[in-house]
PDB file of N, CA and C in Angstrom:
ATOM      1  N   MET A   1       0.881  -1.208   0.263  1.00  0.00           N
ATOM      2  CA  MET A   1       0.034  -0.002   0.178  1.00  0.00           C
ATOM      3  C   MET A   1       1.176   1.361   0.021  1.00  0.00           C
ATOM      4  N   LYS A   2       0.355   2.198  -0.947  1.00  0.00           N
ATOM      5  CA  LYS A   2       1.104   3.490  -0.891  1.00  0.00           C
ATOM      6  C   LYS A   2       0.502   4.550   0.015  1.00  0.00           C
ATOM      7  N   ASN A   3       1.635   5.379   0.722  1.00  0.00           N
ATOM      8  CA  ASN A   3       0.769   6.462   1.615  1.00  0.00           C
ATOM      9  C   ASN A   3       1.029   7.600   0.617  1.00  0.00           C
ATOM     10  N   ARG A   4      -0.106   8.325   1.066  1.00  0.00           N
ATOM     11  CA  ARG A   4      -0.233   9.959   0.351  1.00  0.00           C
ATOM     12  C   ARG A   4      -0.807  10.695   0.974  1.00  0.00           C
ATOM     13  N   LEU A   5      -0.452  12.353   0.954  1.00  0.00           N
ATOM     14  CA  LEU A   5      -1.265  13.079   1.706  1.00  0.00           C
ATOM     15  C   LEU A   5      -3.132  13.184   0.804  1.00  0.00           C
ATOM     16  N   GLY A   6      -3.619  12.907   1.784  1.00  0.00           N
ATOM     17  CA  GLY A   6      -5.225  13.048   1.047  1.00  0.00           C
ATOM     18  C   GLY A   6      -6.282  13.213   2.519  1.00  0.00           C
ATOM     19  N   ILE A   7      -7.781  13.045   1.961  1.00  0.00           N
ATOM     20  CA  ILE A   7      -8.773  12.882   2.701  1.00  0.00           C
ATOM     21  C   ILE A   7      -9.559  11.749   2.983  1.00  0.00           C
ATOM     22  N   CYS A   8      -9.361  11.207   4.151  1.00  0.00           N
ATOM     23  CA  CYS A   8      -9.753   9.839   4.444  1.00  0.00           C
ATOM     24  C   CYS A   8     -11.265   9.780   4.597  1.00  0.00           C
ATOM     25  N   ARG A   9     -11.424   9.148   4.024  1.00  0.00           N
ATOM     26  CA  ARG A   9     -13.226   8.960   3.067  1.00  0.00           C
ATOM     27  C   ARG A   9     -14.070   8.516   4.422  1.00  0.00           C
ATOM     28  N   VAL A  10     -13.199   7.429   5.446  1.00  0.00           N
ATOM     29  CA  VAL A  10     -14.107   7.187   6.790  1.00  0.00           C
ATOM     30  C   VAL A  10     -14.510   8.439   7.679  1.00  0.00           C
ATOM     31  N   CYS A  11     -13.489   9.090   7.925  1.00  0.00           N
ATOM     32  CA  CYS A  11     -13.723  10.866   8.448  1.00  0.00           C
ATOM     33  C   CYS A  11     -14.637  11.785   7.823  1.00  0.00           C
ATOM     34  N   TYR A  12     -14.019  11.652   6.563  1.00  0.00           N
ATOM     35  CA  TYR A  12     -15.305  12.674   5.882  1.00  0.00           C
ATOM     36  C   TYR A  12     -16.246  12.468   6.384  1.00  0.00           C
ATOM     37  N   LEU A  13     -17.519  11.119   5.735  1.00  0.00           N
ATOM     38  CA  LEU A  13     -18.542  10.606   5.948  1.00  0.00           C
ATOM     39  C   LEU A  13     -18.898  10.627   7.250  1.00  0.00           C
ATOM     40  N   VAL A  14     -18.255  10.192   8.958  1.00  0.00           N
ATOM     41  CA  VAL A  14     -18.759   9.842  10.135  1.00  0.00           C
ATOM     42  C   VAL A  14     -18.004  11.312  10.220  1.00  0.00           C
ATOM     43  N   GLU A  15     -17.212  11.935  10.196  1.00  0.00           N
ATOM     44  CA  GLU A  15     -17.252  13.903  10.942  1.00  0.00           C
ATOM     45  C   GLU A  15     -17.705  14.882  10.244  1.00  0.00           C
ATOM     46  N   ASN A  16     -17.343  14.320   8.820  1.00  0.00           N
ATOM     47  CA  ASN A  16     -17.047  15.605   7.775  1.00  0.00           C
ATOM     48  C   ASN A  16     -15.851  16.124   8.075  1.00  0.00           C
ATOM     49  N   ASP A  17     -14.949  15.444   8.237  1.00  0.00           N
ATOM     50  CA  ASP A  17     -13.395  16.356   8.178  1.00  0.00           C
ATOM     51  C   ASP A  17     -12.984  15.562   6.881  1.00  0.00           C
ATOM     52  N   ALA A  18     -12.787  17.014   6.750  1.00  0.00           N
ATOM     53  CA  ALA A  18     -12.111  17.143   5.111  1.00  0.00           C
ATOM     54  C   ALA A  18     -10.814  17.301   5.486  1.00  0.00           C
ATOM     55  N   GLY A  19     -10.275  17.125   6.787  1.00  0.00           N
ATOM     56  CA  GLY A  19      -8.789  17.991   6.630  1.00  0.00           C
ATOM     57  C   GLY A  19      -7.882  16.851   5.714  1.00  0.00           C
ATOM     58  N   LEU A  20      -6.764  17.000   5.408  1.00  0.00           N
ATOM     59  CA  LEU A  20      -5.155  16.431   4.617  1.00  0.00           C
ATOM     60  C   LEU A  20      -4.859  15.745   5.890  1.00  0.00           C
ATOM     61  N   LYS A  21      -4.500  14.580   5.889  1.00  0.00           N
ATOM     62  CA  LYS A  21      -3.689  13.389   6.750  1.00  0.00           C
ATOM     63  C   LYS A  21      -3.202  12.502   5.763  1.00  0.00           C
ATOM     64  N   SER A  22      -2.247  11.917   5.849  1.00  0.00           N
ATOM     65  CA  SER A  22      -1.295  10.365   5.489  1.00  0.00           C
ATOM     66  C   SER A  22      -2.578   9.798   5.442  1.00  0.00           C
ATOM     67  N   VAL A  23      -2.859   8.644   4.225  1.00  0.00           N
ATOM     68  CA  VAL A  23      -4.189   7.871   3.919  1.00  0.00           C
ATOM     69  C   VAL A  23      -3.395   7.051   3.147  1.00  0.00           C
ATOM     70  N   GLU A  24      -3.816   5.851   3.087  1.00  0.00           N
ATOM     71  CA  GLU A  24      -3.703   4.306   2.545  1.00  0.00           C
ATOM     72  C   GLU A  24      -4.612   3.816   2.036  1.00  0.00           C
ATOM     73  N   PHE A  25      -4.859   3.454   0.980  1.00  0.00           N
ATOM     74  CA  PHE A  25      -5.749   2.928   0.016  1.00  0.00           C
ATOM     75  C   PHE A  25      -6.358   1.566   0.203  1.00  0.00           C
ATOM     76  N   CYS A  26      -7.485   1.257   0.668  1.00  0.00           N
ATOM     77  CA  CYS A  26      -7.972   0.168   1.157  1.00  0.00           C
ATOM     78  C   CYS A  26      -8.210  -0.669  -0.154  1.00  0.00           C
ATOM     79  N   LYS A  27      -8.546  -1.676  -0.821  1.00  0.00           N
ATOM     80  CA  LYS A  27      -8.964  -2.122  -1.970  1.00  0.00           C
ATOM     81  C   LYS A  27     -10.227  -2.771  -1.737  1.00  0.00           C
ATOM     82  N   THR A  28     -10.217  -3.383  -0.312  1.00  0.00           N
ATOM     83  CA  THR A  28     -11.913  -3.788  -0.095  1.00  0.00           C
ATOM     84  C   THR A  28     -12.942  -3.029   0.421  1.00  0.00           C
ATOM     85  N   CYS A  29     -12.277  -1.528   0.616  1.00  0.00           N
ATOM     86  CA  CYS A  29     -13.324  -0.407   0.803  1.00  0.00           C
ATOM     87  C   CYS A  29     -13.361   0.719  -0.251  1.00  0.00           C
ATOM     88  N   ASN A  30     -12.552   0.326  -1.554  1.00  0.00           N
ATOM     89  CA  ASN A  30     -12.322   1.244  -2.667  1.00  0.00           C
ATOM     90  C   ASN A  30     -12.101   2.957  -2.365  1.00  0.00           C
ATOM     91  N   ALA A  31     -10.987   2.800  -0.917  1.00  0.00           N
ATOM     92  CA  ALA A  31     -11.056   4.526  -0.608  1.00  0.00           C
ATOM     93  C   ALA A  31      -9.801   4.517   0.173  1.00  0.00           C
ATOM     94  N   TRP A  32      -9.613   6.041  -0.143  1.00  0.00           N
ATOM     95  CA  TRP A  32      -8.384   6.410   1.032  1.00  0.00           C
ATOM     96  C   TRP A  32      -8.550   6.373   2.079  1.00  0.00           C
ATOM     97  N   ILE A  33      -7.527   5.713   3.464  1.00  0.00           N
ATOM     98  CA  ILE A  33      -7.971   5.279   4.582  1.00  0.00           C
ATOM     99  C   ILE A  33      -6.841   6.366   5.622  1.00  0.00           C
ATOM    100  N   CYS A  34      -6.841   7.014   6.849  1.00  0.00           N
ATOM    101  CA  CYS A  34      -6.046   6.785   7.545  1.00  0.00           C
ATOM    102  C   CYS A  34      -5.740   5.999   8.609  1.00  0.00           C
ATOM    103  N   LYS A  35      -4.301   5.979   9.404  1.00  0.00           N
ATOM    104  CA  LYS A  35      -4.096   5.037  10.186  1.00  0.00           C
ATOM    105  C   LYS A  35      -5.299   4.752  11.070  1.00  0.00           C
ATOM    106  N   PRO A  36      -5.596   5.850  12.007  1.00  0.00           N
ATOM    107  CA  PRO A  36      -6.593   5.598  12.861  1.00  0.00           C
ATOM    108  C   PRO A  36      -7.557   4.763  12.863  1.00  0.00           C
ATOM    109  N   CYS A  37      -8.631   5.321  11.248  1.00  0.00           N
ATOM    110  CA  CYS A  37      -9.797   4.448  10.897  1.00  0.00           C
ATOM    111  C   CYS A  37      -9.334   3.482  10.097  1.00  0.00           C
ATOM    112  N   GLU A  38      -7.935   2.686   9.937  1.00  0.00           N
ATOM    113  CA  GLU A  38      -7.706   1.485   9.654  1.00  0.00           C
ATOM    114  C   GLU A  38      -8.389   0.154  10.661  1.00  0.00           C
ATOM    115  N   PRO A  39      -7.886   0.475  11.964  1.00  0.00           N
ATOM    116  CA  PRO A  39      -8.440  -0.920  12.294  1.00  0.00           C
ATOM    117  C   PRO A  39     -10.165  -0.738  13.111  1.00  0.00           C
ATOM    118  N   ASN A  40     -10.530   0.797  12.897  1.00  0.00           N
ATOM    119  CA  ASN A  40     -11.908   0.400  13.673  1.00  0.00           C
ATOM    120  C   ASN A  40     -13.185   0.255  12.815  1.00  0.00           C
ATOM    121  N   LEU A  41     -13.754  -0.947  12.879  1.00  0.00           N
ATOM    122  CA  LEU A  41     -14.274  -1.581  12.513  1.00  0.00           C
ATOM    123  C   LEU A  41     -15.695  -0.934  12.456  1.00  0.00           C
ATOM    124  N   TYR A  42     -15.662  -0.032  13.236  1.00  0.00           N
ATOM    125  CA  TYR A  42     -17.165   0.575  13.412  1.00  0.00           C
ATOM    126  C   TYR A  42     -17.418   1.727  13.113  1.00  0.00           C
ATOM    127  N   ARG A  43     -16.065   2.854  13.209  1.00  0.00           N
ATOM    128  CA  ARG A  43     -16.115   3.612  12.089  1.00  0.00           C
ATOM    129  C   ARG A  43     -16.281   3.160  10.522  1.00  0.00           C
ATOM    130  N   ARG A  44     -15.631   2.590  10.025  1.00  0.00           N
ATOM    131  CA  ARG A  44     -15.415   1.916   8.796  1.00  0.00           C
ATOM    132  C   ARG A  44     -16.808   1.333   8.271  1.00  0.00           C
ATOM    133  N   GLY A  45     -17.780   0.487   9.350  1.00  0.00           N
ATOM    134  CA  GLY A  45     -18.855  -0.012   9.038  1.00  0.00           C
ATOM    135  C   GLY A  45     -19.935   1.674   9.086  1.00  0.00           C
ATOM    136  N   LEU A  46     -20.030   2.227   9.808  1.00  0.00           N
ATOM    137  CA  LEU A  46     -20.940   3.698  10.031  1.00  0.00           C
ATOM    138  C   LEU A  46     -20.391   3.925   9.011  1.00  0.00           C
ATOM    139  N   ALA A  47     -19.717   4.476   8.226  1.00  0.00           N
ATOM    140  CA  ALA A  47     -19.148   5.088   6.965  1.00  0.00           C
ATOM    141  C   ALA A  47     -19.613   4.417   5.599  1.00  0.00           C
ATOM    142  N   ALA A  48     -19.919   2.994   5.603  1.00  0.00           N
ATOM    143  CA  ALA A  48     -19.851   2.746   4.298  1.00  0.00           C
ATOM    144  C   ALA A  48     -21.720   2.179   4.507  1.00  0.00           C
ATOM    145  N   THR A  49     -22.264   2.709   5.534  1.00  0.00           N
ATOM    146  CA  THR A  49     -23.899   2.730   5.773  1.00  0.00           C
ATOM    147  C   THR A  49     -24.196   3.941   4.987  1.00  0.00           C
ATOM    148  N   VAL A  50     -23.472   4.941   6.013  1.00  0.00           N
ATOM    149  CA  VAL A  50     -23.721   6.438   5.214  1.00  0.00           C
ATOM    150  C   VAL A  50     -23.956   6.586   3.669  1.00  0.00           C
ATOM    151  N   GLU A  51     -22.550   6.272   3.493  1.00  0.00           N
ATOM    152  CA  GLU A  51     -22.033   6.125   2.190  1.00  0.00           C
ATOM    153  C   GLU A  51     -23.494   5.375   1.270  1.00  0.00           C
ATOM    154  N   ARG A  52     -24.179   4.492   1.252  1.00  0.00           N
ATOM    155  CA  ARG A  52     -25.204   3.610   0.818  1.00  0.00           C
ATOM    156  C   ARG A  52     -26.271   4.509   1.421  1.00  0.00           C
ATOM    157  N   GLY A  53     -26.717   5.232   2.474  1.00  0.00           N
ATOM    158  CA  GLY A  53     -27.757   5.984   2.079  1.00  0.00           C
ATOM    159  C   GLY A  53     -27.717   7.176   1.552  1.00  0.00           C
ATOM    160  N   LEU A  54     -26.543   7.923   1.505  1.00  0.00           N
ATOM    161  CA  LEU A  54     -26.479   8.886  -0.012  1.00  0.00           C
ATOM    162  C   LEU A  54     -27.038   8.649  -1.359  1.00  0.00           C
ATOM    163  N   GLU A  55     -25.708   6.998  -1.938  1.00  0.00           N
ATOM    164  CA  GLU A  55     -26.428   6.467  -2.963  1.00  0.00           C
ATOM    165  C   GLU A  55     -27.800   6.432  -3.552  1.00  0.00           C
ATOM    166  N   MET A  56     -28.529   5.668  -1.753  1.00  0.00           N
ATOM    167  CA  MET A  56     -29.719   5.576  -2.073  1.00  0.00           C
ATOM    168  C   MET A  56     -30.811   7.062  -2.129  1.00  0.00           C
ATOM    169  N   ILE A  57     -29.895   8.076  -1.924  1.00  0.00           N
ATOM    170  CA  ILE A  57     -31.087   9.613  -1.885  1.00  0.00           C
ATOM    171  C   ILE A  57     -30.524   9.750  -2.800  1.00  0.00           C
ATOM    172  N   THR A  58     -29.670   9.622  -3.400  1.00  0.00           N
ATOM    173  CA  THR A  58     -29.534  10.297  -5.091  1.00  0.00           C
ATOM    174  C   THR A  58     -30.019   9.184  -6.519  1.00  0.00           C
ATOM    175  N   LEU A  59     -30.152   8.034  -6.015  1.00  0.00           N
ATOM    176  CA  LEU A  59     -31.247   6.836  -6.798  1.00  0.00           C
ATOM    177  C   LEU A  59     -32.337   7.390  -6.463  1.00  0.00           C
ATOM    178  N   ARG A  60     -32.841   7.398  -5.740  1.00  0.00           N
ATOM    179  CA  ARG A  60     -34.306   7.405  -5.207  1.00  0.00           C
ATOM    180  C   ARG A  60     -34.852   8.904  -5.394  1.00  0.00           C
ATOM    181  N   LYS A  61     -33.546  10.283  -5.660  1.00  0.00           N
ATOM    182  CA  LYS A  61     -34.013  11.360  -6.275  1.00  0.00           C
ATOM    183  C   LYS A  61     -34.477  11.660  -7.827  1.00  0.00           C
ATOM    184  N   LYS A  62     -34.113  10.450  -8.515  1.00  0.00           N
ATOM    185  CA  LYS A  62     -33.858  10.490  -9.690  1.00  0.00           C
ATOM    186  C   LYS A  62     -35.133  10.047  -9.928  1.00  0.00           C
ATOM    187  N   LYS A  63     -35.837   9.127  -9.125  1.00  0.00           N
ATOM    188  CA  LYS A  63     -36.941   8.812  -9.242  1.00  0.00           C
ATOM    189  C   LYS A  63     -38.274   9.006  -8.453  1.00  0.00           C
ATOM    190  N   GLU A  64     -37.852  10.432  -7.858  1.00  0.00           N
ATOM    191  CA  GLU A  64     -38.717  10.928  -7.621  1.00  0.00           C
ATOM    192  C   GLU A  64     -39.335  10.639  -6.066  1.00  0.00           C
ATOM    193  N   ASN A  65     -38.642   9.175  -5.798  1.00  0.00           N
ATOM    194  CA  ASN A  65     -38.902   8.672  -4.261  1.00  0.00           C
ATOM    195  C   ASN A  65     -37.840   8.816  -3.421  1.00  0.00           C
ATOM    196  N   LYS A  66     -37.705  10.040  -2.574  1.00  0.00           N
ATOM    197  CA  LYS A  66     -36.804   9.874  -1.644  1.00  0.00           C
ATOM    198  C   LYS A  66     -36.822   9.149  -0.068  1.00  0.00           C
ATOM    199  N   TRP A  67     -37.987   8.672   0.392  1.00  0.00           N
ATOM    200  CA  TRP A  67     -38.297   7.850   1.638  1.00  0.00           C
ATOM    201  C   TRP A  67     -37.531   7.153   1.778  1.00  0.00           C
ATOM    202  N   VAL A  68     -36.839   6.327   0.676  1.00  0.00           N
ATOM    203  CA  VAL A  68     -35.767   5.229   1.394  1.00  0.00           C
ATOM    204  C   VAL A  68     -35.047   5.419   1.568  1.00  0.00           C
ATOM    205  N   GLY A  69     -34.297   6.331   0.708  1.00  0.00           N
ATOM    206  CA  GLY A  69     -33.036   7.094   1.246  1.00  0.00           C
ATOM    207  C   GLY A  69     -32.551   7.961   2.261  1.00  0.00           C
ATOM    208  N   ILE A  70     -33.936   8.245   2.699  1.00  0.00           N
ATOM    209  CA  ILE A  70     -34.085   8.988   3.923  1.00  0.00           C
ATOM    210  C   ILE A  70     -34.080   8.441   5.236  1.00  0.00           C
ATOM    211  N   ALA A  71     -35.287   6.848   4.600  1.00  0.00           N
ATOM    212  CA  ALA A  71     -35.607   6.267   5.789  1.00  0.00           C
ATOM    213  C   ALA A  71     -34.112   5.562   5.876  1.00  0.00           C
ATOM    214  N   ILE A  72     -33.165   5.306   5.435  1.00  0.00           N
ATOM    215  CA  ILE A  72     -31.840   4.095   5.737  1.00  0.00           C
ATOM    216  C   ILE A  72     -31.043   5.592   6.305  1.00  0.00           C
ATOM    217  N   ILE A  73     -30.929   7.388   6.040  1.00  0.00           N
ATOM    218  CA  ILE A  73     -30.033   7.727   6.679  1.00  0.00           C
ATOM    219  C   ILE A  73     -30.544   8.064   8.380  1.00  0.00           C
ATOM    220  N   VAL A  74     -32.019   7.701   8.582  1.00  0.00           N
ATOM    221  CA  VAL A  74     -32.360   7.681   9.572  1.00  0.00           C
ATOM    222  C   VAL A  74     -32.078   6.829  10.655  1.00  0.00           C
ATOM    223  N   ILE A  75     -32.087   5.523   9.862  1.00  0.00           N
ATOM    224  CA  ILE A  75     -31.768   4.499  10.482  1.00  0.00           C
ATOM    225  C   ILE A  75     -30.305   3.850  10.697  1.00  0.00           C
ATOM    226  N   SER A  76     -29.403   4.988   9.928  1.00  0.00           N
ATOM    227  CA  SER A  76     -28.048   4.596  10.444  1.00  0.00           C
ATOM    228  C   SER A  76     -27.711   5.745  11.620  1.00  0.00           C
ATOM    229  N   ALA A  77     -28.554   7.053  11.687  1.00  0.00           N
ATOM    230  CA  ALA A  77     -28.279   7.764  12.688  1.00  0.00           C
ATOM    231  C   ALA A  77     -28.492   7.004  14.228  1.00  0.00           C
ATOM    232  N   LEU A  78     -29.789   6.328  14.217  1.00  0.00           N
ATOM    233  CA  LEU A  78     -30.197   5.529  15.464  1.00  0.00           C
ATOM    234  C   LEU A  78     -29.049   4.400  15.882  1.00  0.00           C
ATOM    235  N   SER A  79     -28.896   4.092  14.513  1.00  0.00           N
ATOM    236  CA  SER A  79     -27.966   2.684  14.797  1.00  0.00           C
ATOM    237  C   SER A  79     -26.108   3.491  15.650  1.00  0.00           C
ATOM    238  N   LEU A  80     -25.903   4.357  15.260  1.00  0.00           N
ATOM    239  CA  LEU A  80     -24.888   5.563  15.846  1.00  0.00           C
ATOM    240  C   LEU A  80     -25.204   5.121  17.379  1.00  0.00           C
ATOM    241  N   PHE A  81     -26.440   5.873  17.209  1.00  0.00           N
ATOM    242  CA  PHE A  81     -26.926   6.287  18.861  1.00  0.00           C
ATOM    243  C   PHE A  81     -26.942   5.430  19.772  1.00  0.00           C
ATOM    244  N   ILE A  82     -27.279   4.295  19.344  1.00  0.00           N
ATOM    245  CA  ILE A  82     -27.430   2.583  20.100  1.00  0.00           C
ATOM    246  C   ILE A  82     -26.129   2.130  20.444  1.00  0.00           C
ATOM    247  N   LEU A  83     -25.496   2.510  19.434  1.00  0.00           N
ATOM    248  CA  LEU A  83     -24.009   1.538  19.346  1.00  0.00           C
ATOM    249  C   LEU A  83     -23.168   2.440  20.317  1.00  0.00           C
ATOM    250  N   SER A  84     -23.491   4.347  20.895  1.00  0.00           N
ATOM    251  CA  SER A  84     -22.428   5.033  21.251  1.00  0.00           C
ATOM    252  C   SER A  84     -22.863   4.456  22.938  1.00  0.00           C
ATOM    253  N   HIS A  85     -24.153   4.223  22.606  1.00  0.00           N
ATOM    254  CA  HIS A  85     -24.671   4.101  24.681  1.00  0.00           C
ATOM    255  C   HIS A  85     -24.257   2.588  25.253  1.00  0.00           C
TER     256      HIS A  85
END
């Protein structure tokens, strides 16, 4: 894996952190991830859920039905709340 300076996809999706940091490419996730996020499966799973929710909203908006995407975002937020307590 090659290191480079970039935006960690996990930090961006979970915390909206677009700061530049040392990142490595993850072939499984197809994303650039920083060292602190690499072993954190909770954050990586949450980021994947948020990303899929955003994709669903985009797809559903094209079809004029955004409720499924909104439901996914709400479920993601509830999951984060439940797991953090």
